[in-house]
C-alpha atoms as a PDB file:
ATOM      1  CA  MET A   1      27.366 -11.578  16.732  1.00  0.00           C
ATOM      2  CA  LEU A   2      24.833 -12.839  15.234  1.00  0.00           C
ATOM      3  CA  LEU A   3      25.298 -16.266  16.017  1.00  0.00           C
ATOM      4  CA  PRO A   4      24.002 -16.599  19.105  1.00  0.00           C
ATOM      5  CA  ASP A   5      20.913 -15.074  18.617  1.00  0.00           C
ATOM      6  CA  ALA A   6      20.545 -17.356  15.617  1.00  0.00           C
ATOM      7  CA  ALA A   7      20.576 -20.120  17.576  1.00  0.00           C
ATOM      8  CA  ARG A   8      18.424 -19.466  19.371  1.00  0.00           C
ATOM      9  CA  HIS A   9      15.759 -18.919  16.514  1.00  0.00           C
ATOM     10  CA  ALA A  10      17.191 -21.624  14.594  1.00  0.00           C
ATOM     11  CA  ARG A  11      13.455 -22.925  13.761  1.00  0.00           C
ATOM     12  CA  ARG A  12      12.325 -19.766  12.200  1.00  0.00           C
ATOM     13  CA  LEU A  13      15.455 -19.213  10.409  1.00  0.00           C
ATOM     14  CA  LYS A  14      15.358 -22.509   8.685  1.00  0.00           C
ATOM     15  CA  PRO A  15      14.560 -21.926   4.976  1.00  0.00           C
ATOM     16  CA  PRO A  16      13.976 -24.797   2.540  1.00  0.00           C
ATOM     17  CA  PRO A  17      16.783 -26.422   1.029  1.00  0.00           C
ATOM     18  CA  VAL A  18      16.409 -25.042  -1.874  1.00  0.00           C
ATOM     19  CA  ARG A  19      16.437 -21.202  -0.781  1.00  0.00           C
ATOM     20  CA  CYS A  20      19.785 -22.071   0.989  1.00  0.00           C
ATOM     21  CA  VAL A  21      21.037 -23.687  -2.616  1.00  0.00           C
ATOM     22  CA  GLN A  22      20.032 -20.606  -4.489  1.00  0.00           C
ATOM     23  CA  ALA A  23      22.030 -18.309  -1.749  1.00  0.00           C
ATOM     24  CA  VAL A  24      25.475 -20.252  -2.363  1.00  0.00           C
ATOM     25  CA  LEU A  25      24.710 -19.561  -6.021  1.00  0.00           C
ATOM     26  CA  ILE A  26      24.074 -15.979  -5.144  1.00  0.00           C
ATOM     27  CA  GLY A  27      26.855 -15.069  -2.846  1.00  0.00           C
ATOM     28  CA  ALA A  28      29.527 -17.480  -5.526  1.00  0.00           C
ATOM     29  CA  GLY A  29      28.173 -14.740  -7.902  1.00  0.00           C
ATOM     30  CA  ALA A  30      29.440 -12.104  -5.453  1.00  0.00           C
ATOM     31  CA  ALA A  31      32.931 -13.542  -5.162  1.00  0.00           C
ATOM     32  CA  LEU A  32      33.308 -14.166  -8.503  1.00  0.00           C
ATOM     33  CA  GLY A  33      33.040 -10.572  -8.965  1.00  0.00           C
ATOM     34  CA  LEU A  34      35.252  -9.072  -6.529  1.00  0.00           C
ATOM     35  CA  VAL A  35      38.015 -11.925  -7.343  1.00  0.00           C
ATOM     36  CA  LEU A  36      37.764 -10.330 -10.556  1.00  0.00           C
ATOM     37  CA  TYR A  37      37.750  -7.039  -9.636  1.00  0.00           C
ATOM     38  CA  LEU A  38      40.789  -7.700  -6.818  1.00  0.00           C
ATOM     39  CA  LEU A  39      42.917  -8.992  -9.946  1.00  0.00           C
ATOM     40  CA  ALA A  40      41.756  -6.289 -12.014  1.00  0.00           C
ATOM     41  CA  ALA A  41      43.194  -3.674  -9.885  1.00  0.00           C
ATOM     42  CA  GLN A  42      46.251  -5.939  -8.923  1.00  0.00           C
ATOM     43  CA  ARG A  43      47.244  -5.762 -12.443  1.00  0.00           C
ATOM     44  CA  GLN A  44      46.121  -2.453 -12.832  1.00  0.00           C
ATOM     45  CA  LEU A  45      44.233  -2.305 -15.346  1.00  0.00           C
ATOM     46  CA  LEU A  46      41.715  -0.124 -13.930  1.00  0.00           C
ATOM     47  CA  ALA A  47      39.318   0.665 -16.933  1.00  0.00           C
ATOM     48  CA  VAL A  48      37.987  -3.413 -16.421  1.00  0.00           C
ATOM     49  CA  ALA A  49      38.447  -2.405 -12.527  1.00  0.00           C
ATOM     50  CA  VAL A  50      35.861   0.586 -12.471  1.00  0.00           C
ATOM     51  CA  VAL A  51      33.239  -1.503 -14.854  1.00  0.00           C
ATOM     52  CA  LEU A  52      33.391  -4.774 -12.417  1.00  0.00           C
ATOM     53  CA  ALA A  53      33.082  -1.679  -9.828  1.00  0.00           C
ATOM     54  CA  SER A  54      30.021  -0.574 -11.085  1.00  0.00           C
ATOM     55  CA  LEU A  55      28.747  -4.408 -11.622  1.00  0.00           C
ATOM     56  CA  TYR A  56      28.631  -5.415  -8.595  1.00  0.00           C
ATOM     57  CA  PRO A  57      25.195  -4.198  -7.803  1.00  0.00           C
ATOM     58  CA  ALA A  58      23.995  -5.982 -10.535  1.00  0.00           C
ATOM     59  CA  LEU A  59      25.920  -9.147  -9.311  1.00  0.00           C
ATOM     60  CA  THR A  60      24.389  -9.607  -6.313  1.00  0.00           C
ATOM     61  CA  VAL A  61      20.521  -8.299  -7.232  1.00  0.00           C
ATOM     62  CA  VAL A  62      19.778 -10.058 -10.535  1.00  0.00           C
ATOM     63  CA  PRO A  63      20.190 -13.863  -9.279  1.00  0.00           C
ATOM     64  CA  GLY A  64      18.374 -12.660  -6.248  1.00  0.00           C
ATOM     65  CA  LEU A  65      15.769 -11.870  -8.723  1.00  0.00           C
ATOM     66  CA  ALA A  66      15.981 -14.526 -10.582  1.00  0.00           C
ATOM     67  CA  LEU A  67      16.665 -17.660  -8.568  1.00  0.00           C
ATOM     68  CA  MET A  68      14.858 -16.022  -5.664  1.00  0.00           C
ATOM     69  CA  ARG A  69      11.783 -13.837  -6.616  1.00  0.00           C
ATOM     70  CA  GLU A  70      13.103 -10.862  -4.806  1.00  0.00           C
ATOM     71  CA  ARG A  71      11.242  -7.664  -5.748  1.00  0.00           C
ATOM     72  CA  ILE A  72      13.157  -4.643  -5.575  1.00  0.00           C
ATOM     73  CA  SER A  73      12.033  -0.842  -5.023  1.00  0.00           C
ATOM     74  CA  ARG A  74      11.912   1.760  -7.399  1.00  0.00           C
ATOM     75  CA  ARG A  75      14.858   3.216  -5.361  1.00  0.00           C
ATOM     76  CA  GLN A  76      17.133   0.775  -6.010  1.00  0.00           C
ATOM     77  CA  ALA A  77      15.403  -0.384  -9.532  1.00  0.00           C
ATOM     78  CA  LEU A  78      17.123   3.017 -10.242  1.00  0.00           C
ATOM     79  CA  GLY A  79      20.427   2.430  -9.139  1.00  0.00           C
ATOM     80  CA  LEU A  80      20.998  -0.749 -10.524  1.00  0.00           C
ATOM     81  CA  LEU A  81      19.778   1.981 -13.976  1.00  0.00           C
ATOM     82  CA  GLY A  82      22.435   4.142 -13.270  1.00  0.00           C
ATOM     83  CA  ALA A  83      25.288   1.511 -12.878  1.00  0.00           C
ATOM     84  CA  GLY A  84      24.326  -0.053 -15.817  1.00  0.00           C
ATOM     85  CA  ILE A  85      24.113   3.831 -17.483  1.00  0.00           C
ATOM     86  CA  ALA A  86      27.503   3.842 -16.004  1.00  0.00           C
ATOM     87  CA  THR A  87      28.891   0.934 -17.354  1.00  0.00           C
ATOM     88  CA  VAL A  88      27.621   1.935 -21.334  1.00  0.00           C
ATOM     89  CA  LEU A  89      29.544   5.284 -20.734  1.00  0.00           C
ATOM     90  CA  LEU A  90      32.471   3.611 -19.364  1.00  0.00           C
ATOM     91  CA  THR A  91      33.229   1.429 -22.879  1.00  0.00           C
ATOM     92  CA  LEU A  92      32.011   4.152 -25.090  1.00  0.00           C
ATOM     93  CA  GLY A  93      35.433   6.373 -23.755  1.00  0.00           C
END
């Protein structure tokens, strides 16, 4: 759906090669999280699957913060904090 518009604005959308590599690494981390979630759900390890699901926001946001120097809002920080607290509560039982 977006490809025709992206093709028209290709010059403006071309990031530096370093940013492309960083984006691929972040996407690979997200894909790994989804694969691990799928495997845990298939093997009926629901406790592991729930923990992975609660960490999903961190799998995409933390590398973005570290590699691409993205900034998050207070609302987003509260969401990440909530995911972290949920993970701790789930592991405590």
